[in-house]
Amino acid sequence: MPENESWEYTLYIPNDLRAVTVSRRTLRLILTMHGLIRFVDVAELLGAELVSNAVRHTKGPAALRVRWLAGVLRIGAWDADPAPPEPPVPFERSADAEEGRGLALVRACSDVWGWQPLARDGNRGKCVWCELTSAA
């Protein structure tokens, strides 16, 4: 599939920490199959952080969303908690912390990130996402 074609995948995952590994491997496979290997390492790291947050901090189902559109890779994690994510602390201040580095890492390694309220299958929730336009 040429790089200028757009596509989107959604992987629905249970609230289980094993879903982080499944999501990482799925993301690697998707990007490899679409010839976007240059994004794999950073995308895998960011996707794992987003899915990990969705699974650790909520009690309901979750989903990994991956989209390629107009040269932009968007990775998002949906969860069933409509509350906004905690704002990331500056990455330099979070370096020694045991927890709370996830969104700081996402902010540091992506071109842009954000979140939005998003309902799925009758569940209110949110999607936390980031975008890559180059292999940062």
N, C-alpha and C. Protein backbone atom coordinates (compact mmCIF):
# COMPACT_ATOMS: atom_id res chain seq x y z
N MET A 1 0.85 -1.18 0.00
CA MET A 1 0.00 0.00 0.00
C MET A 1 0.89 1.24 0.00
N PRO A 2 0.73 2.13 -0.94
CA PRO A 2 1.57 3.34 -0.99
C PRO A 2 1.41 4.20 0.26
N GLU A 3 2.50 4.91 0.56
CA GLU A 3 2.53 5.73 1.77
C GLU A 3 1.53 6.88 1.75
N ASN A 4 1.06 7.27 0.57
CA ASN A 4 0.12 8.39 0.49
C ASN A 4 -1.33 7.96 0.70
N GLU A 5 -1.58 6.66 0.83
CA GLU A 5 -2.94 6.20 1.12
C GLU A 5 -3.20 6.27 2.62
N SER A 6 -4.44 6.56 2.98
CA SER A 6 -4.77 6.64 4.40
C SER A 6 -5.41 5.34 4.87
N TRP A 7 -5.28 5.08 6.16
CA TRP A 7 -5.87 3.88 6.78
C TRP A 7 -6.02 4.12 8.27
N GLU A 8 -6.84 3.27 8.89
CA GLU A 8 -7.05 3.36 10.34
C GLU A 8 -7.36 1.97 10.88
N TYR A 9 -6.80 1.67 12.04
CA TYR A 9 -7.06 0.41 12.74
C TYR A 9 -7.50 0.73 14.17
N THR A 10 -8.37 -0.10 14.71
CA THR A 10 -8.75 -0.03 16.11
C THR A 10 -8.66 -1.42 16.70
N LEU A 11 -7.94 -1.54 17.80
CA LEU A 11 -7.81 -2.81 18.51
C LEU A 11 -8.50 -2.65 19.86
N TYR A 12 -9.59 -3.35 20.06
CA TYR A 12 -10.31 -3.30 21.34
C TYR A 12 -9.61 -4.22 22.31
N ILE A 13 -9.35 -3.73 23.50
CA ILE A 13 -8.57 -4.48 24.48
C ILE A 13 -9.28 -4.54 25.82
N PRO A 14 -9.07 -5.62 26.55
CA PRO A 14 -9.65 -5.71 27.89
C PRO A 14 -8.82 -4.89 28.88
N ASN A 15 -9.37 -4.66 30.05
CA ASN A 15 -8.63 -3.96 31.09
C ASN A 15 -7.69 -4.97 31.75
N ASP A 16 -6.55 -5.16 31.12
CA ASP A 16 -5.59 -6.18 31.51
C ASP A 16 -4.21 -5.67 31.09
N LEU A 17 -3.24 -5.69 31.99
CA LEU A 17 -1.92 -5.18 31.66
C LEU A 17 -1.26 -5.94 30.52
N ARG A 18 -1.66 -7.18 30.27
CA ARG A 18 -1.11 -7.92 29.12
C ARG A 18 -1.48 -7.25 27.81
N ALA A 19 -2.52 -6.42 27.82
CA ALA A 19 -2.95 -5.71 26.61
C ALA A 19 -1.87 -4.73 26.13
N VAL A 20 -1.00 -4.28 27.02
CA VAL A 20 0.07 -3.37 26.62
C VAL A 20 1.00 -4.07 25.65
N THR A 21 1.41 -5.29 25.96
CA THR A 21 2.29 -6.06 25.08
C THR A 21 1.59 -6.40 23.77
N VAL A 22 0.35 -6.80 23.84
CA VAL A 22 -0.41 -7.10 22.62
C VAL A 22 -0.50 -5.86 21.74
N SER A 23 -0.74 -4.71 22.35
CA SER A 23 -0.85 -3.46 21.60
C SER A 23 0.48 -3.08 20.95
N ARG A 24 1.57 -3.23 21.68
CA ARG A 24 2.91 -2.93 21.13
C ARG A 24 3.18 -3.77 19.90
N ARG A 25 2.94 -5.06 20.02
CA ARG A 25 3.25 -5.97 18.91
C ARG A 25 2.32 -5.73 17.73
N THR A 26 1.07 -5.42 18.01
CA THR A 26 0.11 -5.12 16.94
C THR A 26 0.53 -3.84 16.21
N LEU A 27 0.91 -2.84 16.95
CA LEU A 27 1.35 -1.58 16.36
C LEU A 27 2.57 -1.79 15.48
N ARG A 28 3.54 -2.56 15.96
CA ARG A 28 4.75 -2.87 15.18
C ARG A 28 4.37 -3.57 13.88
N LEU A 29 3.47 -4.52 13.95
CA LEU A 29 3.04 -5.25 12.76
C LEU A 29 2.34 -4.33 11.75
N ILE A 30 1.43 -3.50 12.24
CA ILE A 30 0.70 -2.58 11.36
C ILE A 30 1.68 -1.67 10.61
N LEU A 31 2.59 -1.06 11.35
CA LEU A 31 3.52 -0.12 10.72
C LEU A 31 4.48 -0.82 9.76
N THR A 32 4.93 -2.01 10.12
CA THR A 32 5.81 -2.77 9.25
C THR A 32 5.09 -3.14 7.95
N MET A 33 3.87 -3.62 8.07
CA MET A 33 3.11 -4.03 6.89
C MET A 33 2.79 -2.85 5.97
N HIS A 34 2.73 -1.65 6.51
CA HIS A 34 2.44 -0.46 5.70
C HIS A 34 3.72 0.27 5.27
N GLY A 35 4.89 -0.35 5.51
CA GLY A 35 6.14 0.26 5.07
C GLY A 35 6.56 1.48 5.85
N LEU A 36 6.09 1.59 7.08
CA LEU A 36 6.42 2.75 7.92
C LEU A 36 7.37 2.34 9.05
N ILE A 37 8.34 1.52 8.73
CA ILE A 37 9.26 0.96 9.73
C ILE A 37 10.02 2.07 10.46
N ARG A 38 10.23 3.22 9.83
CA ARG A 38 10.97 4.31 10.48
C ARG A 38 10.25 4.84 11.71
N PHE A 39 8.95 4.60 11.82
CA PHE A 39 8.18 5.07 12.97
C PHE A 39 8.09 4.03 14.09
N VAL A 40 8.48 2.79 13.82
CA VAL A 40 8.15 1.69 14.73
C VAL A 40 8.63 1.90 16.15
N ASP A 41 9.89 2.22 16.35
CA ASP A 41 10.42 2.28 17.72
C ASP A 41 9.74 3.36 18.56
N VAL A 42 9.63 4.55 18.03
CA VAL A 42 9.00 5.64 18.78
C VAL A 42 7.51 5.37 18.95
N ALA A 43 6.85 4.90 17.88
CA ALA A 43 5.41 4.63 17.95
C ALA A 43 5.10 3.54 18.96
N GLU A 44 5.93 2.52 19.00
CA GLU A 44 5.73 1.43 19.97
C GLU A 44 5.84 1.95 21.40
N LEU A 45 6.82 2.78 21.66
CA LEU A 45 7.01 3.37 22.98
C LEU A 45 5.80 4.23 23.37
N LEU A 46 5.38 5.10 22.47
CA LEU A 46 4.28 6.01 22.77
C LEU A 46 2.96 5.26 22.89
N GLY A 47 2.71 4.31 22.00
CA GLY A 47 1.49 3.51 22.07
C GLY A 47 1.41 2.73 23.38
N ALA A 48 2.55 2.17 23.80
CA ALA A 48 2.57 1.41 25.06
C ALA A 48 2.26 2.33 26.24
N GLU A 49 2.78 3.55 26.24
CA GLU A 49 2.50 4.49 27.32
C GLU A 49 1.02 4.84 27.36
N LEU A 50 0.44 5.12 26.20
CA LEU A 50 -0.98 5.50 26.15
C LEU A 50 -1.87 4.35 26.58
N VAL A 51 -1.60 3.15 26.09
CA VAL A 51 -2.43 1.98 26.46
C VAL A 51 -2.22 1.64 27.94
N SER A 52 -0.99 1.73 28.41
CA SER A 52 -0.72 1.46 29.81
C SER A 52 -1.52 2.39 30.72
N ASN A 53 -1.55 3.68 30.38
CA ASN A 53 -2.35 4.63 31.16
C ASN A 53 -3.83 4.26 31.12
N ALA A 54 -4.32 3.90 29.96
CA ALA A 54 -5.74 3.55 29.82
C ALA A 54 -6.09 2.34 30.68
N VAL A 55 -5.20 1.36 30.74
CA VAL A 55 -5.47 0.13 31.48
C VAL A 55 -5.24 0.32 32.98
N ARG A 56 -4.19 1.04 33.35
CA ARG A 56 -3.85 1.22 34.77
C ARG A 56 -4.81 2.14 35.51
N HIS A 57 -5.27 3.18 34.84
CA HIS A 57 -6.01 4.23 35.54
C HIS A 57 -7.51 4.18 35.33
N THR A 58 -8.01 3.16 34.67
CA THR A 58 -9.45 3.03 34.48
C THR A 58 -9.87 1.59 34.76
N LYS A 59 -11.16 1.38 34.89
CA LYS A 59 -11.66 0.05 35.21
C LYS A 59 -12.37 -0.63 34.05
N GLY A 60 -12.64 0.10 32.99
CA GLY A 60 -13.44 -0.45 31.90
C GLY A 60 -12.61 -0.90 30.72
N PRO A 61 -13.28 -1.11 29.60
CA PRO A 61 -12.59 -1.53 28.37
C PRO A 61 -11.74 -0.39 27.83
N ALA A 62 -10.90 -0.71 26.86
CA ALA A 62 -10.03 0.29 26.24
C ALA A 62 -9.84 -0.09 24.77
N ALA A 63 -9.20 0.78 24.03
CA ALA A 63 -8.92 0.51 22.62
C ALA A 63 -7.68 1.28 22.20
N LEU A 64 -6.90 0.66 21.32
CA LEU A 64 -5.77 1.30 20.67
C LEU A 64 -6.24 1.72 19.29
N ARG A 65 -5.99 2.97 18.93
CA ARG A 65 -6.35 3.47 17.60
C ARG A 65 -5.09 3.93 16.90
N VAL A 66 -4.92 3.52 15.64
CA VAL A 66 -3.76 3.90 14.85
C VAL A 66 -4.27 4.39 13.50
N ARG A 67 -3.83 5.59 13.11
CA ARG A 67 -4.30 6.16 11.84
C ARG A 67 -3.15 6.80 11.09
N TRP A 68 -3.13 6.59 9.78
CA TRP A 68 -2.18 7.25 8.89
C TRP A 68 -2.98 8.10 7.93
N LEU A 69 -2.73 9.40 7.91
CA LEU A 69 -3.48 10.31 7.05
C LEU A 69 -2.58 11.48 6.67
N ALA A 70 -2.38 11.68 5.39
CA ALA A 70 -1.62 12.82 4.88
C ALA A 70 -0.23 12.94 5.51
N GLY A 71 0.46 11.80 5.65
CA GLY A 71 1.81 11.82 6.19
C GLY A 71 1.92 11.98 7.69
N VAL A 72 0.79 11.84 8.39
CA VAL A 72 0.79 11.97 9.85
C VAL A 72 0.31 10.66 10.47
N LEU A 73 1.10 10.14 11.40
CA LEU A 73 0.72 8.94 12.15
C LEU A 73 0.11 9.38 13.47
N ARG A 74 -1.14 8.99 13.70
CA ARG A 74 -1.81 9.31 14.97
C ARG A 74 -2.01 8.01 15.73
N ILE A 75 -1.57 8.00 16.98
CA ILE A 75 -1.74 6.86 17.88
C ILE A 75 -2.58 7.34 19.04
N GLY A 76 -3.62 6.62 19.36
CA GLY A 76 -4.48 7.02 20.46
C GLY A 76 -4.91 5.83 21.29
N ALA A 77 -5.25 6.11 22.53
CA ALA A 77 -5.80 5.09 23.42
C ALA A 77 -7.10 5.63 23.98
N TRP A 78 -8.18 4.87 23.74
CA TRP A 78 -9.48 5.23 24.28
C TRP A 78 -9.68 4.45 25.58
N ASP A 79 -10.30 5.10 26.57
CA ASP A 79 -10.70 4.39 27.79
C ASP A 79 -12.07 4.90 28.21
N ALA A 80 -12.70 4.18 29.11
CA ALA A 80 -14.08 4.46 29.50
C ALA A 80 -14.21 5.48 30.63
N ASP A 81 -13.14 6.16 30.97
CA ASP A 81 -13.19 7.20 32.00
C ASP A 81 -13.20 8.57 31.32
N PRO A 82 -14.29 9.34 31.47
CA PRO A 82 -14.35 10.62 30.78
C PRO A 82 -13.49 11.72 31.40
N ALA A 83 -12.91 11.49 32.57
CA ALA A 83 -12.09 12.51 33.22
C ALA A 83 -10.82 12.77 32.41
N PRO A 84 -10.41 14.04 32.32
CA PRO A 84 -9.19 14.34 31.56
C PRO A 84 -7.96 13.71 32.22
N PRO A 85 -6.94 13.43 31.42
CA PRO A 85 -5.71 12.89 32.01
C PRO A 85 -5.01 13.96 32.85
N GLU A 86 -4.22 13.50 33.80
CA GLU A 86 -3.42 14.45 34.59
C GLU A 86 -2.42 15.12 33.64
N PRO A 87 -2.24 16.44 33.77
CA PRO A 87 -1.27 17.10 32.88
C PRO A 87 0.13 16.56 33.13
N PRO A 88 0.92 16.40 32.08
CA PRO A 88 2.28 15.88 32.28
C PRO A 88 3.17 16.90 32.97
N VAL A 89 4.04 16.41 33.83
CA VAL A 89 5.05 17.28 34.43
C VAL A 89 6.19 17.38 33.42
N PRO A 90 7.01 18.42 33.50
CA PRO A 90 8.15 18.50 32.58
C PRO A 90 8.99 17.23 32.69
N PHE A 91 9.44 16.73 31.56
CA PHE A 91 10.16 15.46 31.51
C PHE A 91 11.39 15.46 32.42
N GLU A 92 12.08 16.59 32.50
CA GLU A 92 13.28 16.67 33.33
C GLU A 92 12.94 16.41 34.81
N ARG A 93 11.78 16.90 35.26
CA ARG A 93 11.38 16.72 36.66
C ARG A 93 10.83 15.33 36.94
N SER A 94 10.42 14.61 35.90
CA SER A 94 9.83 13.30 36.11
C SER A 94 10.85 12.18 35.95
N ALA A 95 12.09 12.51 35.61
CA ALA A 95 13.09 11.49 35.29
C ALA A 95 13.33 10.51 36.44
N ASP A 96 13.28 10.95 37.68
CA ASP A 96 13.53 10.06 38.82
C ASP A 96 12.26 9.48 39.43
N ALA A 97 11.11 9.87 38.92
CA ALA A 97 9.84 9.41 39.49
C ALA A 97 9.57 7.96 39.10
N GLU A 98 8.94 7.23 40.01
CA GLU A 98 8.55 5.85 39.74
C GLU A 98 7.36 5.78 38.80
N GLU A 99 6.44 6.73 38.91
CA GLU A 99 5.25 6.77 38.08
C GLU A 99 5.06 8.19 37.56
N GLY A 100 4.13 8.34 36.63
CA GLY A 100 3.77 9.67 36.16
C GLY A 100 4.62 10.20 35.02
N ARG A 101 5.50 9.37 34.48
CA ARG A 101 6.34 9.83 33.39
C ARG A 101 5.70 9.63 32.03
N GLY A 102 4.63 8.85 31.95
CA GLY A 102 4.04 8.46 30.68
C GLY A 102 3.70 9.62 29.76
N LEU A 103 2.88 10.54 30.22
CA LEU A 103 2.49 11.65 29.36
C LEU A 103 3.63 12.63 29.14
N ALA A 104 4.56 12.74 30.08
CA ALA A 104 5.74 13.57 29.85
C ALA A 104 6.56 12.98 28.70
N LEU A 105 6.66 11.67 28.66
CA LEU A 105 7.37 10.98 27.58
C LEU A 105 6.63 11.16 26.26
N VAL A 106 5.32 11.05 26.29
CA VAL A 106 4.51 11.25 25.09
C VAL A 106 4.72 12.67 24.56
N ARG A 107 4.66 13.64 25.45
CA ARG A 107 4.85 15.04 25.04
C ARG A 107 6.25 15.26 24.48
N ALA A 108 7.26 14.66 25.10
CA ALA A 108 8.65 14.87 24.68
C ALA A 108 8.96 14.20 23.34
N CYS A 109 8.33 13.07 23.05
CA CYS A 109 8.70 12.27 21.87
C CYS A 109 7.77 12.43 20.68
N SER A 110 6.64 13.08 20.85
CA SER A 110 5.71 13.24 19.73
C SER A 110 5.73 14.68 19.22
N ASP A 111 5.19 14.88 18.04
CA ASP A 111 5.12 16.23 17.49
C ASP A 111 4.01 17.04 18.16
N VAL A 112 2.92 16.37 18.49
CA VAL A 112 1.80 17.02 19.17
C VAL A 112 1.02 15.92 19.89
N TRP A 113 0.37 16.27 20.98
CA TRP A 113 -0.47 15.30 21.69
C TRP A 113 -1.68 16.04 22.26
N GLY A 114 -2.68 15.29 22.66
CA GLY A 114 -3.85 15.90 23.27
C GLY A 114 -4.83 14.83 23.72
N TRP A 115 -6.01 15.28 24.08
CA TRP A 115 -7.05 14.34 24.49
C TRP A 115 -8.39 14.95 24.12
N GLN A 116 -9.39 14.12 24.00
CA GLN A 116 -10.74 14.61 23.70
C GLN A 116 -11.75 13.64 24.27
N PRO A 117 -12.91 14.16 24.71
CA PRO A 117 -13.99 13.26 25.14
C PRO A 117 -14.43 12.43 23.94
N LEU A 118 -14.72 11.16 24.17
CA LEU A 118 -15.13 10.29 23.07
C LEU A 118 -15.94 9.13 23.63
N ALA A 119 -17.17 8.97 23.16
CA ALA A 119 -18.02 7.85 23.58
C ALA A 119 -17.89 6.70 22.59
N ARG A 120 -17.92 5.48 23.10
CA ARG A 120 -17.86 4.27 22.27
C ARG A 120 -18.85 3.26 22.81
N ASP A 121 -19.67 2.72 21.95
CA ASP A 121 -20.62 1.66 22.32
C ASP A 121 -21.39 2.02 23.59
N GLY A 122 -21.81 3.26 23.71
CA GLY A 122 -22.59 3.68 24.86
C GLY A 122 -21.77 4.02 26.09
N ASN A 123 -20.45 3.82 26.04
CA ASN A 123 -19.58 4.15 27.17
C ASN A 123 -18.99 5.54 26.97
N ARG A 124 -19.22 6.43 27.92
CA ARG A 124 -18.53 7.72 27.86
C ARG A 124 -17.07 7.48 28.16
N GLY A 125 -16.22 8.26 27.58
CA GLY A 125 -14.80 8.09 27.82
C GLY A 125 -14.00 9.19 27.18
N LYS A 126 -12.73 8.89 26.94
CA LYS A 126 -11.84 9.87 26.32
C LYS A 126 -10.83 9.13 25.45
N CYS A 127 -10.24 9.87 24.55
CA CYS A 127 -9.14 9.36 23.75
C CYS A 127 -7.95 10.28 23.98
N VAL A 128 -6.83 9.71 24.41
CA VAL A 128 -5.59 10.44 24.56
C VAL A 128 -4.74 10.02 23.37
N TRP A 129 -4.21 11.00 22.63
CA TRP A 129 -3.56 10.70 21.36
C TRP A 129 -2.27 11.50 21.20
N CYS A 130 -1.46 11.06 20.25
CA CYS A 130 -0.27 11.80 19.87
C CYS A 130 -0.04 11.59 18.37
N GLU A 131 0.72 12.47 17.79
CA GLU A 131 1.00 12.39 16.36
C GLU A 131 2.50 12.45 16.11
N LEU A 132 2.90 11.71 15.08
CA LEU A 132 4.29 11.71 14.61
C LEU A 132 4.28 12.06 13.12
N THR A 133 5.11 13.02 12.76
CA THR A 133 5.25 13.35 11.35
C THR A 133 6.64 13.05 10.85
N SER A 134 7.52 12.69 11.76
CA SER A 134 8.86 12.25 11.41
C SER A 134 9.31 11.25 12.46
N ALA A 135 10.30 10.44 12.14
CA ALA A 135 10.79 9.47 13.12
C ALA A 135 11.61 10.22 14.17
N ALA A 136 10.92 10.82 15.12
CA ALA A 136 11.54 11.69 16.13
C ALA A 136 12.65 11.02 16.89
